[in-house]
C-alpha atoms as a PDB file:
ATOM      1  CA  MET A   1     -73.874 -45.412  47.039  1.00  0.00           C
ATOM      2  CA  LYS A   2     -70.734 -43.309  46.319  1.00  0.00           C
ATOM      3  CA  THR A   3     -70.130 -41.313  43.357  1.00  0.00           C
ATOM      4  CA  LEU A   4     -66.915 -39.613  42.994  1.00  0.00           C
ATOM      5  CA  PRO A   5     -66.903 -35.483  43.539  1.00  0.00           C
ATOM      6  CA  LYS A   6     -66.067 -35.349  39.603  1.00  0.00           C
ATOM      7  CA  GLU A   7     -68.915 -37.514  38.642  1.00  0.00           C
ATOM      8  CA  ARG A   8     -71.447 -36.029  40.751  1.00  0.00           C
ATOM      9  CA  ARG A   9     -70.846 -32.688  39.108  1.00  0.00           C
ATOM     10  CA  TYR A  10     -72.221 -33.782  35.883  1.00  0.00           C
ATOM     11  CA  GLU A  11     -74.878 -35.633  37.160  1.00  0.00           C
ATOM     12  CA  THR A  12     -77.325 -32.867  36.487  1.00  0.00           C
ATOM     13  CA  LEU A  13     -76.088 -32.189  32.889  1.00  0.00           C
ATOM     14  CA  SER A  14     -75.749 -36.097  31.892  1.00  0.00           C
ATOM     15  CA  TYR A  15     -78.236 -36.041  29.735  1.00  0.00           C
ATOM     16  CA  LEU A  16     -76.395 -33.632  27.212  1.00  0.00           C
ATOM     17  CA  PRO A  17     -73.666 -34.102  24.997  1.00  0.00           C
ATOM     18  CA  PRO A  18     -69.784 -34.188  26.148  1.00  0.00           C
ATOM     19  CA  LEU A  19     -69.297 -30.625  26.673  1.00  0.00           C
ATOM     20  CA  THR A  20     -65.869 -28.556  27.025  1.00  0.00           C
ATOM     21  CA  ASP A  21     -64.932 -26.796  30.415  1.00  0.00           C
ATOM     22  CA  ALA A  22     -66.211 -23.570  28.762  1.00  0.00           C
ATOM     23  CA  GLN A  23     -69.284 -25.198  27.712  1.00  0.00           C
ATOM     24  CA  ILE A  24     -69.727 -26.675  31.299  1.00  0.00           C
ATOM     25  CA  VAL A  25     -69.310 -23.165  32.714  1.00  0.00           C
ATOM     26  CA  ARG A  26     -71.808 -21.601  30.587  1.00  0.00           C
ATOM     27  CA  GLN A  27     -74.371 -24.264  31.432  1.00  0.00           C
ATOM     28  CA  VAL A  28     -73.757 -23.907  35.168  1.00  0.00           C
ATOM     29  CA  GLN A  29     -74.253 -20.222  34.998  1.00  0.00           C
ATOM     30  CA  TYR A  30     -77.314 -20.613  33.033  1.00  0.00           C
ATOM     31  CA  ILE A  31     -78.753 -22.766  35.689  1.00  0.00           C
ATOM     32  CA  LEU A  32     -77.403 -20.472  38.570  1.00  0.00           C
ATOM     33  CA  ASP A  33     -79.052 -17.590  36.993  1.00  0.00           C
END
């Protein structure tokens, strides 16, 4: 099964509503902290 890299980025957060770039950055930083 192939997914585009851009889509793979969002798989983990797919349960969330659409986010702005800034919100996505915050989510990723939260996960990594």
